[in-house]
């Protein structure tokens, strides 16, 4: 298997299969430390309560400890569900780290998703998840995405970074026009860049939360349903789910997904 299909579009599984096994434990440690810095900013800013959903997965592993993970989830008055987690087999080159923030429906600020990975190259994704139709709500587009546009275009010109284009039609349509999604050689400078970009994305989001845009009361129920549907769809349709299933088995991997996204996946068509 190669990392590219005939069209040049990538898959995580293909990238892992195409490259020699490389120990990415040190990089995983560094990325998890960066995730901890981001989590610390959020815990310092918001009053958040640890969630019980992830308690069984606070620290977990296969019996031989080759595949491991950690997960913390929180909620509060402004944040409906925040997950900070990692899963992987770093010594074999694979790790996947998440920081997902889903706001309560009385706020209209975009949600925030930041993902790091080793595949075994560096993988980085960060996006403000829209909570409005960007095709028609041009005020929302201009408020939250126009300020990020120049930065996103600058990164397209960075020759260290390779745009990552998913094979999944759902994943491609689920990204905003200013989503940052790339792979890069696993080096000190690219790890530092990924950390800087993650802090930049979070800091900008925190400025929006200084005076957060409210959702009109009559739109809040629909927004809550939309957010939940996106979380469920993302959990079900992530192409990388098969990696977790191989490491931990399908049933356990499904429980991990439910805790990561804060949704039930039972009998929920998507």
C-alpha atoms as a PDB file:
ATOM      1  CA  UNK A   1       0.000   0.000   0.000  1.00  0.00           C
ATOM      2  CA  UNK A   2       1.258   3.507  -0.747  1.00  0.00           C
ATOM      3  CA  UNK A   3       0.412   6.817   0.886  1.00  0.00           C
ATOM      4  CA  UNK A   4      -1.200   8.081  -2.328  1.00  0.00           C
ATOM      5  CA  UNK A   5      -3.846   6.575  -4.552  1.00  0.00           C
ATOM      6  CA  UNK A   6      -3.870   7.089  -8.324  1.00  0.00           C
ATOM      7  CA  UNK A   7      -5.208  10.628  -7.866  1.00  0.00           C
ATOM      8  CA  UNK A   8      -2.515  11.656  -5.382  1.00  0.00           C
ATOM      9  CA  UNK A   9      -4.956  11.795  -2.453  1.00  0.00           C
ATOM     10  CA  UNK A  10      -3.658  10.536   0.891  1.00  0.00           C
ATOM     11  CA  UNK A  11      -4.680   8.095   3.593  1.00  0.00           C
ATOM     12  CA  UNK A  12      -3.184   7.823   7.074  1.00  0.00           C
ATOM     13  CA  UNK A  13      -3.057   4.041   6.769  1.00  0.00           C
ATOM     14  CA  UNK A  14      -1.179   4.333   3.487  1.00  0.00           C
ATOM     15  CA  UNK A  15       1.330   6.780   4.892  1.00  0.00           C
ATOM     16  CA  UNK A  16       2.072   4.437   7.785  1.00  0.00           C
ATOM     17  CA  UNK A  17       2.461   1.464   5.460  1.00  0.00           C
ATOM     18  CA  UNK A  18       4.660   3.343   2.990  1.00  0.00           C
ATOM     19  CA  UNK A  19       7.366   4.367   5.435  1.00  0.00           C
ATOM     20  CA  UNK A  20       9.789   2.322   7.518  1.00  0.00           C
ATOM     21  CA  UNK A  21       8.812   1.899  11.143  1.00  0.00           C
ATOM     22  CA  UNK A  22      10.270   4.750  13.181  1.00  0.00           C
ATOM     23  CA  UNK A  23      10.075   5.359  16.911  1.00  0.00           C
ATOM     24  CA  UNK A  24       8.048   8.549  17.422  1.00  0.00           C
ATOM     25  CA  UNK A  25       7.867   8.326  21.227  1.00  0.00           C
ATOM     26  CA  UNK A  26       9.873  11.511  21.790  1.00  0.00           C
ATOM     27  CA  UNK A  27       7.718  13.451  19.319  1.00  0.00           C
ATOM     28  CA  UNK A  28       4.544  12.088  20.930  1.00  0.00           C
ATOM     29  CA  UNK A  29       5.782  13.237  24.331  1.00  0.00           C
ATOM     30  CA  UNK A  30       6.471  16.704  22.952  1.00  0.00           C
ATOM     31  CA  UNK A  31       3.080  16.955  21.241  1.00  0.00           C
ATOM     32  CA  UNK A  32       1.271  15.754  24.364  1.00  0.00           C
ATOM     33  CA  UNK A  33       3.134  18.415  26.352  1.00  0.00           C
ATOM     34  CA  UNK A  34       1.929  21.055  23.861  1.00  0.00           C
ATOM     35  CA  UNK A  35      -1.603  19.696  24.215  1.00  0.00           C
ATOM     36  CA  UNK A  36      -1.182  20.058  27.966  1.00  0.00           C
ATOM     37  CA  UNK A  37      -0.213  23.715  27.527  1.00  0.00           C
ATOM     38  CA  UNK A  38      -3.352  24.338  25.489  1.00  0.00           C
ATOM     39  CA  UNK A  39      -5.473  22.483  28.027  1.00  0.00           C
ATOM     40  CA  UNK A  40      -3.894  24.547  30.790  1.00  0.00           C
ATOM     41  CA  UNK A  41      -4.912  27.786  29.083  1.00  0.00           C
ATOM     42  CA  UNK A  42      -8.495  26.568  28.887  1.00  0.00           C
ATOM     43  CA  UNK A  43      -8.588  25.356  32.490  1.00  0.00           C
ATOM     44  CA  UNK A  44      -7.180  28.693  33.582  1.00  0.00           C
ATOM     45  CA  UNK A  45      -9.785  30.611  31.624  1.00  0.00           C
ATOM     46  CA  UNK A  46     -12.979  28.599  32.157  1.00  0.00           C
ATOM     47  CA  UNK A  47     -14.499  26.883  35.161  1.00  0.00           C
ATOM     48  CA  UNK A  48     -14.584  23.296  33.915  1.00  0.00           C
ATOM     49  CA  UNK A  49     -15.644  20.073  35.597  1.00  0.00           C
ATOM     50  CA  UNK A  50     -14.031  16.745  34.684  1.00  0.00           C
ATOM     51  CA  UNK A  51     -16.484  14.444  32.944  1.00  0.00           C
ATOM     52  CA  UNK A  52     -17.219  10.904  34.000  1.00  0.00           C
ATOM     53  CA  UNK A  53     -17.502   9.627  30.413  1.00  0.00           C
ATOM     54  CA  UNK A  54     -13.748   9.277  30.028  1.00  0.00           C
ATOM     55  CA  UNK A  55     -12.991   7.948  33.518  1.00  0.00           C
ATOM     56  CA  UNK A  56     -12.451   4.357  32.271  1.00  0.00           C
ATOM     57  CA  UNK A  57     -10.027   5.693  29.659  1.00  0.00           C
ATOM     58  CA  UNK A  58      -8.001   8.108  31.748  1.00  0.00           C
ATOM     59  CA  UNK A  59      -5.011   5.839  31.073  1.00  0.00           C
ATOM     60  CA  UNK A  60      -5.384   2.610  29.099  1.00  0.00           C
ATOM     61  CA  UNK A  61      -3.281   0.146  27.131  1.00  0.00           C
ATOM     62  CA  UNK A  62      -3.100  -3.254  25.541  1.00  0.00           C
ATOM     63  CA  UNK A  63      -1.727  -5.977  27.834  1.00  0.00           C
ATOM     64  CA  UNK A  64       1.766  -5.632  26.356  1.00  0.00           C
ATOM     65  CA  UNK A  65       1.544  -1.803  26.607  1.00  0.00           C
ATOM     66  CA  UNK A  66       2.581  -1.366  22.981  1.00  0.00           C
ATOM     67  CA  UNK A  67      -0.673   0.494  22.227  1.00  0.00           C
ATOM     68  CA  UNK A  68      -1.667   3.070  24.779  1.00  0.00           C
ATOM     69  CA  UNK A  69      -3.713   6.177  25.338  1.00  0.00           C
ATOM     70  CA  UNK A  70      -5.028   8.799  27.730  1.00  0.00           C
ATOM     71  CA  UNK A  71      -8.216  10.824  27.749  1.00  0.00           C
ATOM     72  CA  UNK A  72      -9.612  13.737  29.759  1.00  0.00           C
ATOM     73  CA  UNK A  73     -12.982  15.389  29.177  1.00  0.00           C
ATOM     74  CA  UNK A  74     -14.512  18.495  30.742  1.00  0.00           C
ATOM     75  CA  UNK A  75     -17.653  20.621  30.602  1.00  0.00           C
ATOM     76  CA  UNK A  76     -18.760  23.970  31.977  1.00  0.00           C
ATOM     77  CA  UNK A  77     -21.114  26.895  31.594  1.00  0.00           C
ATOM     78  CA  UNK A  78     -19.737  27.891  28.177  1.00  0.00           C
ATOM     79  CA  UNK A  79     -18.166  24.631  27.031  1.00  0.00           C
ATOM     80  CA  UNK A  80     -20.509  21.723  26.455  1.00  0.00           C
ATOM     81  CA  UNK A  81     -17.761  19.146  25.852  1.00  0.00           C
ATOM     82  CA  UNK A  82     -13.997  19.431  25.771  1.00  0.00           C
ATOM     83  CA  UNK A  83     -11.846  16.388  25.080  1.00  0.00           C
ATOM     84  CA  UNK A  84      -8.067  16.169  25.374  1.00  0.00           C
ATOM     85  CA  UNK A  85      -6.725  12.769  24.397  1.00  0.00           C
ATOM     86  CA  UNK A  86      -4.073  10.718  22.685  1.00  0.00           C
ATOM     87  CA  UNK A  87      -3.987   7.183  21.319  1.00  0.00           C
ATOM     88  CA  UNK A  88      -1.310   5.256  19.517  1.00  0.00           C
ATOM     89  CA  UNK A  89       1.702   3.012  19.315  1.00  0.00           C
ATOM     90  CA  UNK A  90       4.428   5.686  19.347  1.00  0.00           C
ATOM     91  CA  UNK A  91       7.308   3.223  19.245  1.00  0.00           C
ATOM     92  CA  UNK A  92       5.919   1.998  15.899  1.00  0.00           C
ATOM     93  CA  UNK A  93       5.538   5.553  14.608  1.00  0.00           C
ATOM     94  CA  UNK A  94       1.812   6.176  15.113  1.00  0.00           C
ATOM     95  CA  UNK A  95       0.141   8.600  17.508  1.00  0.00           C
ATOM     96  CA  UNK A  96      -3.022  10.690  17.328  1.00  0.00           C
ATOM     97  CA  UNK A  97      -3.669  13.587  19.719  1.00  0.00           C
ATOM     98  CA  UNK A  98      -6.894  15.593  19.996  1.00  0.00           C
ATOM     99  CA  UNK A  99      -8.094  18.780  21.606  1.00  0.00           C
ATOM    100  CA  UNK A 100     -11.766  19.284  20.735  1.00  0.00           C
ATOM    101  CA  UNK A 101     -13.917  22.102  22.122  1.00  0.00           C
ATOM    102  CA  UNK A 102     -17.688  22.149  21.617  1.00  0.00           C
ATOM    103  CA  UNK A 103     -19.544  25.169  22.932  1.00  0.00           C
ATOM    104  CA  UNK A 104     -23.004  25.310  24.414  1.00  0.00           C
ATOM    105  CA  UNK A 105     -25.726  26.469  22.022  1.00  0.00           C
ATOM    106  CA  UNK A 106     -26.291  29.886  23.605  1.00  0.00           C
ATOM    107  CA  UNK A 107     -22.953  30.926  22.046  1.00  0.00           C
ATOM    108  CA  UNK A 108     -22.437  31.226  18.282  1.00  0.00           C
ATOM    109  CA  UNK A 109     -18.630  31.310  18.250  1.00  0.00           C
ATOM    110  CA  UNK A 110     -17.163  28.455  16.141  1.00  0.00           C
ATOM    111  CA  UNK A 111     -16.093  25.276  17.866  1.00  0.00           C
ATOM    112  CA  UNK A 112     -12.382  24.465  17.823  1.00  0.00           C
ATOM    113  CA  UNK A 113     -10.547  21.297  16.822  1.00  0.00           C
ATOM    114  CA  UNK A 114      -6.777  20.773  17.025  1.00  0.00           C
ATOM    115  CA  UNK A 115      -5.177  17.459  16.068  1.00  0.00           C
ATOM    116  CA  UNK A 116      -1.531  16.408  16.134  1.00  0.00           C
ATOM    117  CA  UNK A 117      -0.179  13.107  14.912  1.00  0.00           C
ATOM    118  CA  UNK A 118       2.827  11.062  13.917  1.00  0.00           C
ATOM    119  CA  UNK A 119       2.209   8.880  10.842  1.00  0.00           C
ATOM    120  CA  UNK A 120       5.262   8.611  11.261  1.00  0.00           C
ATOM    121  CA  UNK A 121       5.744  12.077   9.686  1.00  0.00           C
ATOM    122  CA  UNK A 122       4.196  14.966  11.565  1.00  0.00           C
ATOM    123  CA  UNK A 123       0.474  15.450  10.972  1.00  0.00           C
ATOM    124  CA  UNK A 124      -1.280  18.678  11.971  1.00  0.00           C
ATOM    125  CA  UNK A 125      -4.895  19.784  11.694  1.00  0.00           C
ATOM    126  CA  UNK A 126      -6.606  22.818  13.202  1.00  0.00           C
ATOM    127  CA  UNK A 127      -9.932  24.365  12.308  1.00  0.00           C
ATOM    128  CA  UNK A 128     -12.693  26.564  13.600  1.00  0.00           C
ATOM    129  CA  UNK A 129     -15.780  24.384  13.133  1.00  0.00           C
ATOM    130  CA  UNK A 130     -18.511  26.618  11.646  1.00  0.00           C
ATOM    131  CA  UNK A 131     -21.840  26.867  13.401  1.00  0.00           C
ATOM    132  CA  UNK A 132     -23.506  28.659  10.496  1.00  0.00           C
ATOM    133  CA  UNK A 133     -23.808  28.181   6.742  1.00  0.00           C
ATOM    134  CA  UNK A 134     -20.718  29.906   5.338  1.00  0.00           C
ATOM    135  CA  UNK A 135     -22.245  29.958   1.849  1.00  0.00           C
ATOM    136  CA  UNK A 136     -25.053  32.264   2.930  1.00  0.00           C
ATOM    137  CA  UNK A 137     -24.134  33.802   6.299  1.00  0.00           C
ATOM    138  CA  UNK A 138     -21.472  36.152   4.956  1.00  0.00           C
ATOM    139  CA  UNK A 139     -21.287  38.145   8.179  1.00  0.00           C
ATOM    140  CA  UNK A 140     -20.277  34.954  10.021  1.00  0.00           C
ATOM    141  CA  UNK A 141     -17.746  34.153   7.293  1.00  0.00           C
ATOM    142  CA  UNK A 142     -16.194  37.622   7.479  1.00  0.00           C
ATOM    143  CA  UNK A 143     -16.169  37.708  11.275  1.00  0.00           C
ATOM    144  CA  UNK A 144     -14.431  34.393  11.922  1.00  0.00           C
ATOM    145  CA  UNK A 145     -12.743  33.192   8.723  1.00  0.00           C
ATOM    146  CA  UNK A 146     -11.569  36.263   6.826  1.00  0.00           C
ATOM    147  CA  UNK A 147      -9.085  37.117   9.647  1.00  0.00           C
ATOM    148  CA  UNK A 148      -7.537  33.638   9.297  1.00  0.00           C
ATOM    149  CA  UNK A 149      -7.406  33.593   5.503  1.00  0.00           C
ATOM    150  CA  UNK A 150      -4.024  35.273   5.038  1.00  0.00           C
ATOM    151  CA  UNK A 151      -2.360  33.014   7.596  1.00  0.00           C
ATOM    152  CA  UNK A 152      -3.788  29.910   5.935  1.00  0.00           C
ATOM    153  CA  UNK A 153      -2.481  31.063   2.558  1.00  0.00           C
ATOM    154  CA  UNK A 154       0.959  31.861   4.004  1.00  0.00           C
ATOM    155  CA  UNK A 155       1.252  28.307   5.250  1.00  0.00           C
ATOM    156  CA  UNK A 156       0.407  26.966   1.790  1.00  0.00           C
ATOM    157  CA  UNK A 157       3.627  28.620   0.631  1.00  0.00           C
ATOM    158  CA  UNK A 158       5.800  27.030   3.363  1.00  0.00           C
ATOM    159  CA  UNK A 159       7.849  24.408   1.527  1.00  0.00           C
ATOM    160  CA  UNK A 160       8.242  22.326   4.692  1.00  0.00           C
ATOM    161  CA  UNK A 161       4.532  21.566   4.693  1.00  0.00           C
ATOM    162  CA  UNK A 162       2.601  19.208   2.426  1.00  0.00           C
ATOM    163  CA  UNK A 163      -1.174  19.703   2.222  1.00  0.00           C
ATOM    164  CA  UNK A 164      -3.039  16.626   3.435  1.00  0.00           C
ATOM    165  CA  UNK A 165      -6.100  15.815   1.338  1.00  0.00           C
ATOM    166  CA  UNK A 166      -8.250  13.048   2.760  1.00  0.00           C
ATOM    167  CA  UNK A 167      -9.698  10.299   0.594  1.00  0.00           C
ATOM    168  CA  UNK A 168     -12.978  10.660   2.536  1.00  0.00           C
ATOM    169  CA  UNK A 169     -15.569  12.920   0.942  1.00  0.00           C
ATOM    170  CA  UNK A 170     -17.080  13.553   4.380  1.00  0.00           C
ATOM    171  CA  UNK A 171     -13.772  14.638   5.891  1.00  0.00           C
ATOM    172  CA  UNK A 172     -13.024  16.958   2.965  1.00  0.00           C
ATOM    173  CA  UNK A 173     -16.391  18.705   3.156  1.00  0.00           C
ATOM    174  CA  UNK A 174     -16.154  18.942   6.946  1.00  0.00           C
ATOM    175  CA  UNK A 175     -13.221  21.367   6.768  1.00  0.00           C
ATOM    176  CA  UNK A 176     -13.664  25.126   6.619  1.00  0.00           C
ATOM    177  CA  UNK A 177     -11.957  27.154   3.863  1.00  0.00           C
ATOM    178  CA  UNK A 178      -9.262  28.180   6.376  1.00  0.00           C
ATOM    179  CA  UNK A 179      -8.584  24.759   7.884  1.00  0.00           C
ATOM    180  CA  UNK A 180      -4.910  23.988   8.460  1.00  0.00           C
ATOM    181  CA  UNK A 181      -4.213  20.405   7.440  1.00  0.00           C
ATOM    182  CA  UNK A 182      -0.750  19.225   6.485  1.00  0.00           C
ATOM    183  CA  UNK A 183       2.043  16.739   6.993  1.00  0.00           C
ATOM    184  CA  UNK A 184       5.714  17.611   7.416  1.00  0.00           C
ATOM    185  CA  UNK A 185       9.034  15.951   8.207  1.00  0.00           C
ATOM    186  CA  UNK A 186       9.244  15.133  11.898  1.00  0.00           C
ATOM    187  CA  UNK A 187      11.889  17.643  13.035  1.00  0.00           C
ATOM    188  CA  UNK A 188      12.393  20.170  15.806  1.00  0.00           C
ATOM    189  CA  UNK A 189      11.425  23.096  13.594  1.00  0.00           C
ATOM    190  CA  UNK A 190       8.195  21.526  12.322  1.00  0.00           C
ATOM    191  CA  UNK A 191       7.183  20.374  15.797  1.00  0.00           C
ATOM    192  CA  UNK A 192       7.781  23.925  17.040  1.00  0.00           C
ATOM    193  CA  UNK A 193       5.736  25.324  14.156  1.00  0.00           C
ATOM    194  CA  UNK A 194       2.830  22.980  14.921  1.00  0.00           C
ATOM    195  CA  UNK A 195       2.907  24.063  18.559  1.00  0.00           C
ATOM    196  CA  UNK A 196       3.014  27.741  17.632  1.00  0.00           C
ATOM    197  CA  UNK A 197       0.080  27.328  15.231  1.00  0.00           C
ATOM    198  CA  UNK A 198      -1.978  25.485  17.827  1.00  0.00           C
ATOM    199  CA  UNK A 199      -1.418  28.260  20.369  1.00  0.00           C
ATOM    200  CA  UNK A 200      -2.199  30.861  17.701  1.00  0.00           C
ATOM    201  CA  UNK A 201      -5.490  29.163  16.849  1.00  0.00           C
ATOM    202  CA  UNK A 202      -6.476  28.835  20.501  1.00  0.00           C
ATOM    203  CA  UNK A 203      -5.459  32.394  21.405  1.00  0.00           C
ATOM    204  CA  UNK A 204      -7.518  33.829  18.545  1.00  0.00           C
ATOM    205  CA  UNK A 205     -10.494  31.718  19.651  1.00  0.00           C
ATOM    206  CA  UNK A 206     -10.083  32.982  23.217  1.00  0.00           C
ATOM    207  CA  UNK A 207     -10.317  36.597  21.986  1.00  0.00           C
ATOM    208  CA  UNK A 208     -13.676  35.724  20.422  1.00  0.00           C
ATOM    209  CA  UNK A 209     -14.719  34.307  23.775  1.00  0.00           C
ATOM    210  CA  UNK A 210     -13.907  37.617  25.500  1.00  0.00           C
ATOM    211  CA  UNK A 211     -17.218  38.966  24.181  1.00  0.00           C
ATOM    212  CA  UNK A 212     -18.833  35.901  22.630  1.00  0.00           C
ATOM    213  CA  UNK A 213     -21.508  36.310  20.009  1.00  0.00           C
ATOM    214  CA  UNK A 214     -24.825  35.044  21.436  1.00  0.00           C
ATOM    215  CA  UNK A 215     -27.134  32.732  19.565  1.00  0.00           C
ATOM    216  CA  UNK A 216     -30.706  34.034  19.218  1.00  0.00           C
ATOM    217  CA  UNK A 217     -32.831  32.068  21.649  1.00  0.00           C
ATOM    218  CA  UNK A 218     -35.103  30.629  18.967  1.00  0.00           C
ATOM    219  CA  UNK A 219     -32.063  29.125  17.152  1.00  0.00           C
ATOM    220  CA  UNK A 220     -30.417  27.407  20.122  1.00  0.00           C
ATOM    221  CA  UNK A 221     -32.199  24.057  19.973  1.00  0.00           C
ATOM    222  CA  UNK A 222     -31.393  23.657  16.282  1.00  0.00           C
ATOM    223  CA  UNK A 223     -27.742  24.596  16.877  1.00  0.00           C
ATOM    224  CA  UNK A 224     -27.454  22.031  19.677  1.00  0.00           C
ATOM    225  CA  UNK A 225     -28.842  19.323  17.391  1.00  0.00           C
ATOM    226  CA  UNK A 226     -26.466  20.367  14.597  1.00  0.00           C
ATOM    227  CA  UNK A 227     -23.387  20.256  16.852  1.00  0.00           C
ATOM    228  CA  UNK A 228     -24.348  16.809  18.139  1.00  0.00           C
ATOM    229  CA  UNK A 229     -24.937  15.520  14.623  1.00  0.00           C
ATOM    230  CA  UNK A 230     -21.497  16.751  13.542  1.00  0.00           C
ATOM    231  CA  UNK A 231     -19.825  15.102  16.519  1.00  0.00           C
ATOM    232  CA  UNK A 232     -21.577  11.813  15.807  1.00  0.00           C
ATOM    233  CA  UNK A 233     -20.823  11.920  12.084  1.00  0.00           C
ATOM    234  CA  UNK A 234     -17.168  12.718  12.703  1.00  0.00           C
ATOM    235  CA  UNK A 235     -16.890   9.847  15.171  1.00  0.00           C
ATOM    236  CA  UNK A 236     -18.461   7.374  12.758  1.00  0.00           C
ATOM    237  CA  UNK A 237     -16.781   8.504   9.551  1.00  0.00           C
ATOM    238  CA  UNK A 238     -13.184   9.161  10.583  1.00  0.00           C
ATOM    239  CA  UNK A 239     -11.140   6.973   8.221  1.00  0.00           C
ATOM    240  CA  UNK A 240      -8.510   6.455  10.921  1.00  0.00           C
ATOM    241  CA  UNK A 241     -10.982   4.512  13.078  1.00  0.00           C
ATOM    242  CA  UNK A 242      -9.714   1.289  11.561  1.00  0.00           C
ATOM    243  CA  UNK A 243      -6.311   1.881  13.186  1.00  0.00           C
ATOM    244  CA  UNK A 244      -7.867   2.082  16.639  1.00  0.00           C
ATOM    245  CA  UNK A 245      -9.909  -1.038  15.913  1.00  0.00           C
ATOM    246  CA  UNK A 246      -6.773  -2.964  14.971  1.00  0.00           C
ATOM    247  CA  UNK A 247      -5.021  -1.862  18.160  1.00  0.00           C
ATOM    248  CA  UNK A 248      -7.848  -2.343  20.675  1.00  0.00           C
ATOM    249  CA  UNK A 249     -10.605  -4.301  18.965  1.00  0.00           C
ATOM    250  CA  UNK A 250     -13.788  -2.923  17.445  1.00  0.00           C
ATOM    251  CA  UNK A 251     -15.919  -2.869  20.611  1.00  0.00           C
ATOM    252  CA  UNK A 252     -13.335  -1.094  22.770  1.00  0.00           C
ATOM    253  CA  UNK A 253     -12.451   1.358  19.983  1.00  0.00           C
ATOM    254  CA  UNK A 254     -16.142   2.251  19.685  1.00  0.00           C
ATOM    255  CA  UNK A 255     -16.300   3.054  23.403  1.00  0.00           C
ATOM    256  CA  UNK A 256     -13.210   5.255  22.998  1.00  0.00           C
ATOM    257  CA  UNK A 257     -14.907   7.140  20.156  1.00  0.00           C
ATOM    258  CA  UNK A 258     -18.058   7.674  22.189  1.00  0.00           C
ATOM    259  CA  UNK A 259     -16.028   9.119  25.065  1.00  0.00           C
ATOM    260  CA  UNK A 260     -13.873  11.280  22.775  1.00  0.00           C
ATOM    261  CA  UNK A 261     -16.866  12.893  21.057  1.00  0.00           C
ATOM    262  CA  UNK A 262     -19.400  12.674  23.890  1.00  0.00           C
ATOM    263  CA  UNK A 263     -22.018  10.862  21.809  1.00  0.00           C
ATOM    264  CA  UNK A 264     -23.736   7.519  21.621  1.00  0.00           C
ATOM    265  CA  UNK A 265     -23.077   5.666  18.387  1.00  0.00           C
ATOM    266  CA  UNK A 266     -25.683   2.977  18.916  1.00  0.00           C
ATOM    267  CA  UNK A 267     -28.429   2.838  16.270  1.00  0.00           C
ATOM    268  CA  UNK A 268     -27.583   6.288  14.975  1.00  0.00           C
ATOM    269  CA  UNK A 269     -27.609   6.393  11.178  1.00  0.00           C
ATOM    270  CA  UNK A 270     -25.186   8.802   9.556  1.00  0.00           C
END
